[in-house]
Amino acid sequence: MQELKKYLPSRAALKEYTLFIDRDGVINEPIVDNYAKRPEDFILCKGAMDALEELNQIFGKIILVTNQQGIHRGLMTESDLENVHLKMYKALKNKDMPYFDAAFFSPYLSKVHHLWRKPQNGMLLKAKKYFEDIDFSKAIMVGDSPGDMKLADSLDIFKVRITNPQFNFENQDVQFDSLSAFVYSLSN
């Protein structure tokens, strides 16, 4: 486990930070070569709800940014995605937690290279339009894929990688086995 103290400011100062967070492989278990197309496919990672609860107390804003190319492939609809996200929001509500400050998704195929699809930075730039006080020098990207890390690079954002055995790369500032391990490191 890596010590974040040498990379980030004090916990109190993180209230000025925005946390951008990926969904699949970070909040919910990844499905290899498939998608969470229905609520029953969406399985939360162990400790994810507790981690999100703690992150809501630490960061000023938390913004979900997720690629969902299953929509463009015709394997699911935007309504299907909404139902999957509704399961996540119900879990947050059951813990009496606030929802994300914003949630953005890109339905586009990777080969389209749409501005909204990670590693392009369109979702983050859109978030900055909604929240003018977002300062990318005071932001953290938490994700599990090379695209998440490249996205962070494009705006010089601190990169936290959550280990996912599907991906083999080294382009992160720090790495943790889970969202819970990241939160533990922030808290200690």
C-alpha atoms as a PDB file:
ATOM      1  CA  MET A   1       0.000   0.000   0.000  1.00  0.00           C
ATOM      2  CA  GLN A   2       1.343   3.396  -0.911  1.00  0.00           C
ATOM      3  CA  GLU A   3       1.436   6.337   1.406  1.00  0.00           C
ATOM      4  CA  LEU A   4      -0.402   9.276  -0.116  1.00  0.00           C
ATOM      5  CA  LYS A   5       0.967  11.876   2.312  1.00  0.00           C
ATOM      6  CA  LYS A   6       3.962  12.538   0.097  1.00  0.00           C
ATOM      7  CA  TYR A   7       1.741  13.139  -2.968  1.00  0.00           C
ATOM      8  CA  LEU A   8      -1.375  14.906  -1.705  1.00  0.00           C
ATOM      9  CA  PRO A   9      -2.159  17.705   0.741  1.00  0.00           C
ATOM     10  CA  SER A  10      -3.732  17.180   4.133  1.00  0.00           C
ATOM     11  CA  ARG A  11      -7.118  15.557   4.392  1.00  0.00           C
ATOM     12  CA  ALA A  12      -8.666  18.922   5.291  1.00  0.00           C
ATOM     13  CA  ALA A  13      -7.235  20.499   2.104  1.00  0.00           C
ATOM     14  CA  LEU A  14      -8.800  17.737  -0.017  1.00  0.00           C
ATOM     15  CA  LYS A  15     -12.191  19.434   0.539  1.00  0.00           C
ATOM     16  CA  GLU A  16     -11.045  21.810  -2.222  1.00  0.00           C
ATOM     17  CA  TYR A  17     -10.417  18.868  -4.567  1.00  0.00           C
ATOM     18  CA  THR A  18     -12.631  17.191  -7.133  1.00  0.00           C
ATOM     19  CA  LEU A  19     -12.554  13.413  -7.373  1.00  0.00           C
ATOM     20  CA  PHE A  20     -13.327  12.008 -10.815  1.00  0.00           C
ATOM     21  CA  ILE A  21     -14.148   8.335 -10.523  1.00  0.00           C
ATOM     22  CA  ASP A  22     -14.647   5.549 -13.040  1.00  0.00           C
ATOM     23  CA  ARG A  23     -17.395   2.989 -12.451  1.00  0.00           C
ATOM     24  CA  ASP A  24     -16.582  -0.477 -13.834  1.00  0.00           C
ATOM     25  CA  GLY A  25     -13.713  -2.098 -11.957  1.00  0.00           C
ATOM     26  CA  VAL A  26     -13.715   0.641  -9.308  1.00  0.00           C
ATOM     27  CA  ILE A  27     -17.236   0.816  -7.866  1.00  0.00           C
ATOM     28  CA  ASN A  28     -18.627  -2.373  -9.373  1.00  0.00           C
ATOM     29  CA  GLU A  29     -16.997  -5.640 -10.330  1.00  0.00           C
ATOM     30  CA  PRO A  30     -15.790  -5.624 -13.929  1.00  0.00           C
ATOM     31  CA  ILE A  31     -17.338  -8.051 -16.363  1.00  0.00           C
ATOM     32  CA  VAL A  32     -14.659  -9.293 -18.749  1.00  0.00           C
ATOM     33  CA  ASP A  33     -15.619  -8.674 -22.375  1.00  0.00           C
ATOM     34  CA  ASN A  34     -19.170  -7.717 -21.378  1.00  0.00           C
ATOM     35  CA  TYR A  35     -21.226  -4.994 -19.702  1.00  0.00           C
ATOM     36  CA  ALA A  36     -23.519  -4.503 -16.729  1.00  0.00           C
ATOM     37  CA  LYS A  37     -26.598  -4.321 -18.947  1.00  0.00           C
ATOM     38  CA  ARG A  38     -29.187  -5.007 -16.247  1.00  0.00           C
ATOM     39  CA  PRO A  39     -29.307  -4.204 -12.543  1.00  0.00           C
ATOM     40  CA  GLU A  40     -28.638  -7.858 -11.676  1.00  0.00           C
ATOM     41  CA  ASP A  41     -25.352  -7.644 -13.639  1.00  0.00           C
ATOM     42  CA  PHE A  42     -24.199  -4.735 -11.486  1.00  0.00           C
ATOM     43  CA  ILE A  43     -22.319  -6.145  -8.476  1.00  0.00           C
ATOM     44  CA  LEU A  44     -20.683  -3.678  -6.149  1.00  0.00           C
ATOM     45  CA  CYS A  45     -17.026  -4.195  -5.297  1.00  0.00           C
ATOM     46  CA  LYS A  46     -16.463  -5.258  -1.708  1.00  0.00           C
ATOM     47  CA  GLY A  47     -16.425  -2.171   0.504  1.00  0.00           C
ATOM     48  CA  ALA A  48     -17.332   0.220  -2.330  1.00  0.00           C
ATOM     49  CA  MET A  49     -20.306   1.807  -0.554  1.00  0.00           C
ATOM     50  CA  ASP A  50     -18.318   2.407   2.630  1.00  0.00           C
ATOM     51  CA  ALA A  51     -15.487   3.842   0.529  1.00  0.00           C
ATOM     52  CA  LEU A  52     -17.861   6.189  -1.305  1.00  0.00           C
ATOM     53  CA  GLU A  53     -19.335   7.299   2.004  1.00  0.00           C
ATOM     54  CA  GLU A  54     -15.869   8.209   3.270  1.00  0.00           C
ATOM     55  CA  LEU A  55     -14.897   9.889  -0.025  1.00  0.00           C
ATOM     56  CA  ASN A  56     -18.000  12.095   0.230  1.00  0.00           C
ATOM     57  CA  GLN A  57     -16.680  13.350   3.556  1.00  0.00           C
ATOM     58  CA  ILE A  58     -13.168  13.965   2.185  1.00  0.00           C
ATOM     59  CA  PHE A  59     -13.665  15.607  -1.231  1.00  0.00           C
ATOM     60  CA  GLY A  60     -15.507  18.761  -2.249  1.00  0.00           C
ATOM     61  CA  LYS A  61     -16.992  17.109  -5.330  1.00  0.00           C
ATOM     62  CA  ILE A  62     -17.236  13.577  -6.667  1.00  0.00           C
ATOM     63  CA  ILE A  63     -18.027  13.144 -10.333  1.00  0.00           C
ATOM     64  CA  LEU A  64     -18.670   9.799 -12.004  1.00  0.00           C
ATOM     65  CA  VAL A  65     -17.169   9.432 -15.506  1.00  0.00           C
ATOM     66  CA  THR A  66     -17.752   6.160 -17.324  1.00  0.00           C
ATOM     67  CA  ASN A  67     -17.450   4.763 -20.845  1.00  0.00           C
ATOM     68  CA  GLN A  68     -20.480   2.689 -21.813  1.00  0.00           C
ATOM     69  CA  GLN A  69     -19.903   1.582 -25.410  1.00  0.00           C
ATOM     70  CA  GLY A  70     -22.395  -1.257 -24.977  1.00  0.00           C
ATOM     71  CA  ILE A  71     -25.019   1.377 -25.851  1.00  0.00           C
ATOM     72  CA  HIS A  72     -23.416   2.189 -29.214  1.00  0.00           C
ATOM     73  CA  ARG A  73     -22.993  -1.535 -29.883  1.00  0.00           C
ATOM     74  CA  GLY A  74     -26.734  -2.015 -29.407  1.00  0.00           C
ATOM     75  CA  LEU A  75     -26.245  -4.420 -26.478  1.00  0.00           C
ATOM     76  CA  MET A  76     -28.048  -2.088 -24.103  1.00  0.00           C
ATOM     77  CA  THR A  77     -30.006   1.151 -24.209  1.00  0.00           C
ATOM     78  CA  GLU A  78     -29.601   4.378 -22.284  1.00  0.00           C
ATOM     79  CA  SER A  79     -32.674   3.273 -20.335  1.00  0.00           C
ATOM     80  CA  ASP A  80     -30.846   0.034 -19.411  1.00  0.00           C
ATOM     81  CA  LEU A  81     -27.904   2.115 -18.173  1.00  0.00           C
ATOM     82  CA  GLU A  82     -30.265   4.285 -16.137  1.00  0.00           C
ATOM     83  CA  ASN A  83     -31.699   1.153 -14.503  1.00  0.00           C
ATOM     84  CA  VAL A  84     -28.198  -0.078 -13.657  1.00  0.00           C
ATOM     85  CA  HIS A  85     -27.315   3.312 -12.179  1.00  0.00           C
ATOM     86  CA  LEU A  86     -30.598   3.334 -10.286  1.00  0.00           C
ATOM     87  CA  LYS A  87     -29.403   0.213  -8.451  1.00  0.00           C
ATOM     88  CA  MET A  88     -26.237   2.078  -7.462  1.00  0.00           C
ATOM     89  CA  TYR A  89     -28.200   5.156  -6.378  1.00  0.00           C
ATOM     90  CA  LYS A  90     -30.569   2.992  -4.304  1.00  0.00           C
ATOM     91  CA  ALA A  91     -27.544   1.502  -2.534  1.00  0.00           C
ATOM     92  CA  LEU A  92     -26.315   5.036  -1.799  1.00  0.00           C
ATOM     93  CA  LYS A  93     -29.765   6.073  -0.593  1.00  0.00           C
ATOM     94  CA  ASN A  94     -29.992   3.012   1.670  1.00  0.00           C
ATOM     95  CA  LYS A  95     -26.792   4.195   3.357  1.00  0.00           C
ATOM     96  CA  ASP A  96     -28.286   7.705   3.554  1.00  0.00           C
ATOM     97  CA  MET A  97     -25.458   9.016   1.382  1.00  0.00           C
ATOM     98  CA  PRO A  98     -25.516  11.829  -1.142  1.00  0.00           C
ATOM     99  CA  TYR A  99     -25.387  10.940  -4.802  1.00  0.00           C
ATOM    100  CA  PHE A 100     -22.505  12.009  -6.997  1.00  0.00           C
ATOM    101  CA  ASP A 101     -22.309  15.716  -7.693  1.00  0.00           C
ATOM    102  CA  ALA A 102     -22.595  14.781 -11.364  1.00  0.00           C
ATOM    103  CA  ALA A 103     -22.442  11.657 -13.512  1.00  0.00           C
ATOM    104  CA  PHE A 104     -21.338  11.559 -17.135  1.00  0.00           C
ATOM    105  CA  PHE A 105     -21.203   8.633 -19.521  1.00  0.00           C
ATOM    106  CA  SER A 106     -19.966   8.119 -23.039  1.00  0.00           C
ATOM    107  CA  PRO A 107     -21.994   5.674 -25.145  1.00  0.00           C
ATOM    108  CA  TYR A 108     -19.537   5.774 -28.049  1.00  0.00           C
ATOM    109  CA  LEU A 109     -17.353   2.984 -29.443  1.00  0.00           C
ATOM    110  CA  SER A 110     -13.625   3.317 -28.864  1.00  0.00           C
ATOM    111  CA  LYS A 111     -12.952   3.426 -32.621  1.00  0.00           C
ATOM    112  CA  VAL A 112     -15.134   6.543 -32.946  1.00  0.00           C
ATOM    113  CA  HIS A 113     -12.681   8.653 -30.870  1.00  0.00           C
ATOM    114  CA  HIS A 114     -15.525  10.872 -29.662  1.00  0.00           C
ATOM    115  CA  LEU A 115     -14.507  13.797 -27.439  1.00  0.00           C
ATOM    116  CA  TRP A 116     -16.584  12.331 -24.585  1.00  0.00           C
ATOM    117  CA  ARG A 117     -15.031   8.872 -24.685  1.00  0.00           C
ATOM    118  CA  LYS A 118     -12.099   8.323 -22.348  1.00  0.00           C
ATOM    119  CA  PRO A 119      -9.180   8.842 -22.863  1.00  0.00           C
ATOM    120  CA  GLN A 120     -10.549  12.005 -24.499  1.00  0.00           C
ATOM    121  CA  ASN A 121     -11.310  14.670 -21.898  1.00  0.00           C
ATOM    122  CA  GLY A 122     -14.778  15.850 -22.980  1.00  0.00           C
ATOM    123  CA  MET A 123     -16.593  14.557 -19.892  1.00  0.00           C
ATOM    124  CA  LEU A 124     -14.205  16.411 -17.580  1.00  0.00           C
ATOM    125  CA  LEU A 125     -14.363  19.613 -19.594  1.00  0.00           C
ATOM    126  CA  LYS A 126     -18.177  19.392 -19.476  1.00  0.00           C
ATOM    127  CA  ALA A 127     -17.993  18.952 -15.693  1.00  0.00           C
ATOM    128  CA  LYS A 128     -15.907  22.140 -15.501  1.00  0.00           C
ATOM    129  CA  LYS A 129     -18.628  23.993 -17.421  1.00  0.00           C
ATOM    130  CA  TYR A 130     -21.185  22.846 -14.832  1.00  0.00           C
ATOM    131  CA  PHE A 131     -18.917  23.558 -11.879  1.00  0.00           C
ATOM    132  CA  GLU A 132     -16.763  26.549 -12.716  1.00  0.00           C
ATOM    133  CA  ASP A 133     -14.813  26.154  -9.474  1.00  0.00           C
ATOM    134  CA  ILE A 134     -13.248  22.859 -10.614  1.00  0.00           C
ATOM    135  CA  ASP A 135      -9.488  23.291 -10.696  1.00  0.00           C
ATOM    136  CA  PHE A 136      -7.783  20.410 -12.502  1.00  0.00           C
ATOM    137  CA  SER A 137      -4.617  21.048 -10.469  1.00  0.00           C
ATOM    138  CA  LYS A 138      -6.782  20.114  -7.478  1.00  0.00           C
ATOM    139  CA  ALA A 139      -8.309  16.983  -8.945  1.00  0.00           C
ATOM    140  CA  ILE A 140      -7.781  13.251  -8.746  1.00  0.00           C
ATOM    141  CA  MET A 141      -8.809  10.603 -11.264  1.00  0.00           C
ATOM    142  CA  VAL A 142      -9.541   7.145  -9.858  1.00  0.00           C
ATOM    143  CA  GLY A 143      -9.800   4.422 -12.469  1.00  0.00           C
ATOM    144  CA  ASP A 144      -8.649   0.973 -13.474  1.00  0.00           C
ATOM    145  CA  SER A 145      -7.826   1.304 -17.168  1.00  0.00           C
ATOM    146  CA  PRO A 146      -5.125   2.849 -19.336  1.00  0.00           C
ATOM    147  CA  GLY A 147      -7.815   5.170 -20.746  1.00  0.00           C
ATOM    148  CA  ASP A 148      -8.551   6.555 -17.277  1.00  0.00           C
ATOM    149  CA  MET A 149      -4.874   7.338 -16.747  1.00  0.00           C
ATOM    150  CA  LYS A 150      -4.444   8.881 -20.221  1.00  0.00           C
ATOM    151  CA  LEU A 151      -7.487  11.046 -19.552  1.00  0.00           C
ATOM    152  CA  ALA A 152      -5.872  12.295 -16.350  1.00  0.00           C
ATOM    153  CA  ASP A 153      -2.609  12.940 -18.216  1.00  0.00           C
ATOM    154  CA  SER A 154      -4.429  15.130 -20.743  1.00  0.00           C
ATOM    155  CA  LEU A 155      -5.369  17.589 -17.977  1.00  0.00           C
ATOM    156  CA  ASP A 156      -2.392  16.957 -15.657  1.00  0.00           C
ATOM    157  CA  ILE A 157      -4.602  15.346 -12.997  1.00  0.00           C
ATOM    158  CA  PHE A 158      -3.226  13.105 -10.226  1.00  0.00           C
ATOM    159  CA  LYS A 159      -3.772   9.437 -11.186  1.00  0.00           C
ATOM    160  CA  VAL A 160      -4.946   6.702  -8.814  1.00  0.00           C
ATOM    161  CA  ARG A 161      -5.093   3.267 -10.387  1.00  0.00           C
ATOM    162  CA  ILE A 162      -7.296   0.536  -8.958  1.00  0.00           C
ATOM    163  CA  THR A 163      -5.854  -2.858  -9.865  1.00  0.00           C
ATOM    164  CA  ASN A 164      -7.776  -4.779 -12.497  1.00  0.00           C
ATOM    165  CA  PRO A 165      -6.205  -8.002 -13.832  1.00  0.00           C
ATOM    166  CA  GLN A 166      -7.658  -7.258 -17.291  1.00  0.00           C
ATOM    167  CA  PHE A 167      -5.146  -4.439 -17.746  1.00  0.00           C
ATOM    168  CA  ASN A 168      -1.363  -4.518 -17.678  1.00  0.00           C
ATOM    169  CA  PHE A 169       0.134  -1.037 -17.776  1.00  0.00           C
ATOM    170  CA  GLU A 170       2.257   1.336 -15.720  1.00  0.00           C
ATOM    171  CA  ASN A 171       0.959   4.880 -16.011  1.00  0.00           C
ATOM    172  CA  GLN A 172      -0.281   5.917 -12.600  1.00  0.00           C
ATOM    173  CA  ASP A 173       0.921   8.055  -9.741  1.00  0.00           C
ATOM    174  CA  VAL A 174      -0.218   5.508  -7.156  1.00  0.00           C
ATOM    175  CA  GLN A 175      -1.936   2.130  -7.267  1.00  0.00           C
ATOM    176  CA  PHE A 176      -4.252   0.321  -4.868  1.00  0.00           C
ATOM    177  CA  ASP A 177      -5.969  -3.053  -4.910  1.00  0.00           C
ATOM    178  CA  SER A 178      -9.405  -1.515  -4.315  1.00  0.00           C
ATOM    179  CA  LEU A 179     -11.287   1.703  -3.744  1.00  0.00           C
ATOM    180  CA  SER A 180     -11.378   0.757  -0.066  1.00  0.00           C
ATOM    181  CA  ALA A 181      -7.573   0.524   0.061  1.00  0.00           C
ATOM    182  CA  PHE A 182      -7.312   3.978  -1.511  1.00  0.00           C
ATOM    183  CA  VAL A 183      -9.690   5.421   1.091  1.00  0.00           C
ATOM    184  CA  TYR A 184      -7.815   3.675   3.895  1.00  0.00           C
ATOM    185  CA  SER A 185      -4.593   5.285   2.703  1.00  0.00           C
ATOM    186  CA  LEU A 186      -6.264   8.725   2.622  1.00  0.00           C
ATOM    187  CA  SER A 187      -7.521   8.264   6.157  1.00  0.00           C
ATOM    188  CA  ASN A 188      -4.262   7.067   7.724  1.00  0.00           C
END
